[in-house]
Structure formats: structure tokens, C-alpha cells
Amino acid sequence: MTPGQILAAIVLAMAVSAAGTWQVQDWRMGKKLSEQAGLHKDDLADITNAAAAQARTETDKRLALEQQLAGQDQQHTRELSDAQRNQAVLRDRLASSDVRLSVLLDAADSAGGCNVPAAPGAVGVVHGAARAQLDPAHAQRILAITGDGDQGLIALRACQAYAKEVSTQK
């Protein structure tokens, strides 16, 4: 064997050894990368499941709040409707003179100049303190004002209940 052939055999052995080393390293790294990819996939699945569970919980909370608010809205609508119906009945009774509004007079007020007897007369059946009947038109205006006030109070209670429910939900 000539020195050139020996040198060629050594270079060939080194090349085969290097190729084998590269192949073994490739197998080792491939296995490690495969294990890391599997762990990464498991972590992503856990994160996805946790996010989905949190989204379901938040959706359930929102739906429960919406149902509660819808129930309160129905209750307040019913209260408003009842108040409007009662006001209409009273307004009709005032218009038909079935009911009359009256006010108490201060018997101690000498500046009033009104001598309405406290004792019932032959025409009336009112017993007790002196009273004066209001003109039906004034009574209608008073009833309209109190009706607007009732509606405002009902709307205020509805707004307060809504704000309380929305602010207490976490």
C-alpha cells in the first residue's frame, strides 16, 4: 500500500466516522425535539382548556345577570302599568264627580277669612276638621303631577336596581 492509498483510506475512515457521528447526533436531536414538541402540545392543550372553561364561566354569569335584569324589568314595567291604570281610574272618577278632592283647612288661621263650619251640615257627610273641595280642573292637574311623580319614582327604582345588579356582578 502506498502512502497515498493509506492517506486516502484514513480520509475515507474519517469521513465515514464523521457521517456516522452526524447521523447519531441527528437521531438524538430528533428525539429531543420530538419530546419537546409533545410537551409544548400538551401545554397548549391545557391553556386552551383553561381559557374555554373561563369563557364558559363568564358566559354563564352574563346570562344569569341578563335573566335577572329581564325579571326586574318586567317587575318595574308591571309597577308602572299598575300606577298608570290606577291614575286613569282616579282621573275618570274625578271627571265623573264620583270622587272629589278636598284639602284640610287650618282652623287656627284667622287670616284665611273663610268661615267653613267644622260640624257637618245637612248637605255634607264629612265629619271632623274643616275641609274645602278643589275645583275638578285643579284636581285633574294635581293628579297629573302626582302621576308623573309616581312614574319618575318607579323609573328611579328601576335604574337603581339595574345599577346595583350590574355593579355587584364580578
Protein backbone atom coordinates (compact mmCIF):
# COMPACT_ATOMS: atom_id res chain seq x y z
CA MET A 1 0.00 0.00 0.00
CA THR A 2 1.38 3.29 -0.93
CA PRO A 3 1.37 6.29 1.32
CA GLY A 4 -1.27 7.96 -0.90
CA GLN A 5 -3.54 4.96 -0.53
CA ILE A 6 -3.05 4.93 3.24
CA LEU A 7 -3.83 8.59 3.36
CA ALA A 8 -6.92 8.03 1.20
CA ALA A 9 -8.02 5.16 3.49
CA ILE A 10 -7.58 7.38 6.59
CA VAL A 11 -9.53 10.24 4.98
CA LEU A 12 -12.24 7.78 3.94
CA ALA A 13 -12.42 6.34 7.50
CA MET A 14 -12.63 9.84 8.93
CA ALA A 15 -15.41 10.75 6.52
CA VAL A 16 -17.37 7.62 7.37
CA SER A 17 -16.82 8.27 11.09
CA ALA A 18 -17.96 11.90 10.74
CA ALA A 19 -21.04 10.86 8.77
CA GLY A 20 -21.89 8.28 11.41
CA THR A 21 -21.43 10.83 14.18
CA TRP A 22 -23.69 13.28 12.34
CA GLN A 23 -26.31 10.54 11.92
CA VAL A 24 -26.23 9.65 15.64
CA GLN A 25 -26.48 13.34 16.59
CA ASP A 26 -29.42 13.73 14.19
CA TRP A 27 -31.22 10.83 15.86
CA ARG A 28 -30.58 12.20 19.36
CA MET A 29 -31.68 15.74 18.48
CA GLY A 30 -34.71 14.46 16.59
CA LYS A 31 -35.80 12.53 19.66
CA LYS A 32 -35.31 15.57 21.92
CA LEU A 33 -37.18 17.85 19.53
CA SER A 34 -39.99 15.34 19.29
CA GLU A 35 -40.27 15.18 23.10
CA GLN A 36 -40.26 18.98 23.36
CA ALA A 37 -42.93 19.28 20.68
CA GLY A 38 -45.12 16.80 22.58
CA LEU A 39 -44.70 18.74 25.83
CA HIS A 40 -45.44 22.00 24.04
CA LYS A 41 -48.57 20.49 22.50
CA ASP A 42 -49.75 19.32 25.96
CA ASP A 43 -49.13 22.79 27.44
CA LEU A 44 -51.10 24.43 24.63
CA ALA A 45 -53.99 21.99 25.17
CA ASP A 46 -54.04 22.80 28.91
CA ILE A 47 -54.03 26.55 28.22
CA THR A 48 -56.81 26.19 25.64
CA ASN A 49 -58.96 24.13 28.03
CA ALA A 50 -58.48 26.66 30.85
CA ALA A 51 -59.40 29.57 28.55
CA ALA A 52 -62.50 27.73 27.32
CA ALA A 53 -63.61 26.98 30.90
CA GLN A 54 -63.15 30.63 31.88
CA ALA A 55 -65.11 31.78 28.83
CA ARG A 56 -67.96 29.38 29.73
CA THR A 57 -67.99 30.68 33.30
CA GLU A 58 -68.14 34.30 32.14
CA THR A 59 -70.88 33.49 29.64
CA ASP A 60 -72.92 31.75 32.36
CA LYS A 61 -72.51 34.79 34.64
CA ARG A 62 -73.60 37.13 31.86
CA LEU A 63 -76.65 35.01 31.02
CA ALA A 64 -77.67 34.84 34.69
CA LEU A 65 -77.34 38.62 35.01
CA GLU A 66 -79.35 39.16 31.82
CA GLN A 67 -82.14 36.90 33.12
CA GLN A 68 -82.18 38.66 36.47
CA LEU A 69 -82.30 42.08 34.83
CA ALA A 70 -85.07 40.93 32.49
CA GLY A 71 -87.11 39.81 35.51
CA GLN A 72 -86.57 43.14 37.22
CA ASP A 73 -87.52 44.96 34.04
CA GLN A 74 -90.78 43.00 33.88
CA GLN A 75 -91.49 43.83 37.53
CA HIS A 76 -90.88 47.55 37.02
CA THR A 77 -92.95 47.56 33.83
CA ARG A 78 -95.79 45.91 35.75
CA GLU A 79 -95.48 48.50 38.55
CA LEU A 80 -95.55 51.34 36.02
CA SER A 81 -98.57 49.86 34.24
CA ASP A 82 -100.41 49.42 37.55
CA ALA A 83 -99.66 53.01 38.57
CA GLN A 84 -100.86 54.32 35.20
CA ARG A 85 -104.04 52.23 35.41
CA ASN A 86 -104.76 53.45 38.97
CA GLN A 87 -104.14 57.04 37.88
CA ALA A 88 -106.53 56.64 34.92
CA VAL A 89 -109.23 55.19 37.18
CA LEU A 90 -108.85 58.06 39.64
CA ARG A 91 -108.83 60.61 36.81
CA ASP A 92 -112.07 59.11 35.44
CA ARG A 93 -113.68 59.14 38.87
CA LEU A 94 -112.71 62.79 39.31
CA ALA A 95 -114.13 63.66 35.90
CA SER A 96 -117.43 61.95 36.66
CA SER A 97 -117.64 63.68 40.06
CA ASP A 98 -117.75 60.26 41.70
CA VAL A 99 -114.78 61.38 43.84
CA ARG A 100 -113.87 64.90 44.90
CA LEU A 101 -110.53 66.09 46.18
CA SER A 102 -110.56 68.28 49.25
CA VAL A 103 -107.99 69.91 51.49
CA LEU A 104 -107.92 70.41 55.23
CA LEU A 105 -108.30 73.98 56.35
CA ASP A 106 -106.30 75.35 59.23
CA ALA A 107 -108.93 76.24 61.84
CA ALA A 108 -106.38 78.34 63.74
CA ASP A 109 -105.66 80.53 60.70
CA SER A 110 -107.68 83.70 61.25
CA ALA A 111 -106.12 85.38 58.19
CA GLY A 112 -107.80 82.94 55.83
CA GLY A 113 -111.10 84.75 56.09
CA CYS A 114 -113.01 81.57 55.31
CA ASN A 115 -115.68 80.59 57.74
CA VAL A 116 -116.28 76.96 56.87
CA PRO A 117 -118.03 75.20 59.75
CA ALA A 118 -116.30 72.20 61.23
CA ALA A 119 -119.58 70.48 62.01
CA PRO A 120 -121.31 68.66 59.18
CA GLY A 121 -124.22 70.41 57.60
CA ALA A 122 -127.37 68.98 56.14
CA VAL A 123 -125.74 68.72 52.70
CA GLY A 124 -122.42 67.03 53.54
CA VAL A 125 -121.37 63.92 55.34
CA VAL A 126 -117.82 64.98 56.15
CA HIS A 127 -117.06 64.72 59.84
CA GLY A 128 -114.09 66.27 61.57
CA ALA A 129 -111.90 69.21 60.63
CA ALA A 130 -112.96 71.87 58.16
CA ARG A 131 -112.32 70.96 54.50
CA ALA A 132 -112.65 72.73 51.18
CA GLN A 133 -113.30 70.95 47.89
CA LEU A 134 -110.97 71.60 44.99
CA ASP A 135 -112.18 72.58 41.57
CA PRO A 136 -112.23 69.44 39.34
CA ALA A 137 -109.80 71.04 36.85
CA HIS A 138 -107.30 71.72 39.66
CA ALA A 139 -107.82 68.21 40.95
CA GLN A 140 -107.00 66.82 37.48
CA ARG A 141 -103.78 68.87 37.34
CA ILE A 142 -102.77 67.69 40.81
CA LEU A 143 -103.47 64.11 39.80
CA ALA A 144 -101.35 64.53 36.64
CA ILE A 145 -98.45 65.91 38.69
CA THR A 146 -98.61 63.08 41.22
CA GLY A 147 -98.87 60.56 38.37
CA ASP A 148 -95.72 61.97 36.77
CA GLY A 149 -94.02 61.78 40.16
CA ASP A 150 -95.10 58.15 40.61
CA GLN A 151 -93.75 57.26 37.18
CA GLY A 152 -90.50 59.05 37.96
CA LEU A 153 -90.09 57.17 41.24
CA ILE A 154 -90.77 53.84 39.56
CA ALA A 155 -88.21 54.64 36.85
CA LEU A 156 -85.70 55.72 39.50
CA ARG A 157 -86.16 52.45 41.41
CA ALA A 158 -85.66 50.53 38.16
CA CYS A 159 -82.44 52.42 37.39
CA GLN A 160 -81.14 51.93 40.93
CA ALA A 161 -81.88 48.20 40.83
CA TYR A 162 -80.15 47.90 37.45
CA ALA A 163 -77.07 49.81 38.63
CA LYS A 164 -76.91 47.74 41.82
CA GLU A 165 -77.09 44.43 39.94
CA VAL A 166 -74.55 45.42 37.31
CA SER A 167 -72.10 46.85 39.86
CA THR A 168 -72.26 43.84 42.21
CA GLN A 169 -71.55 41.29 39.45
CA LYS A 170 -67.88 40.34 39.30
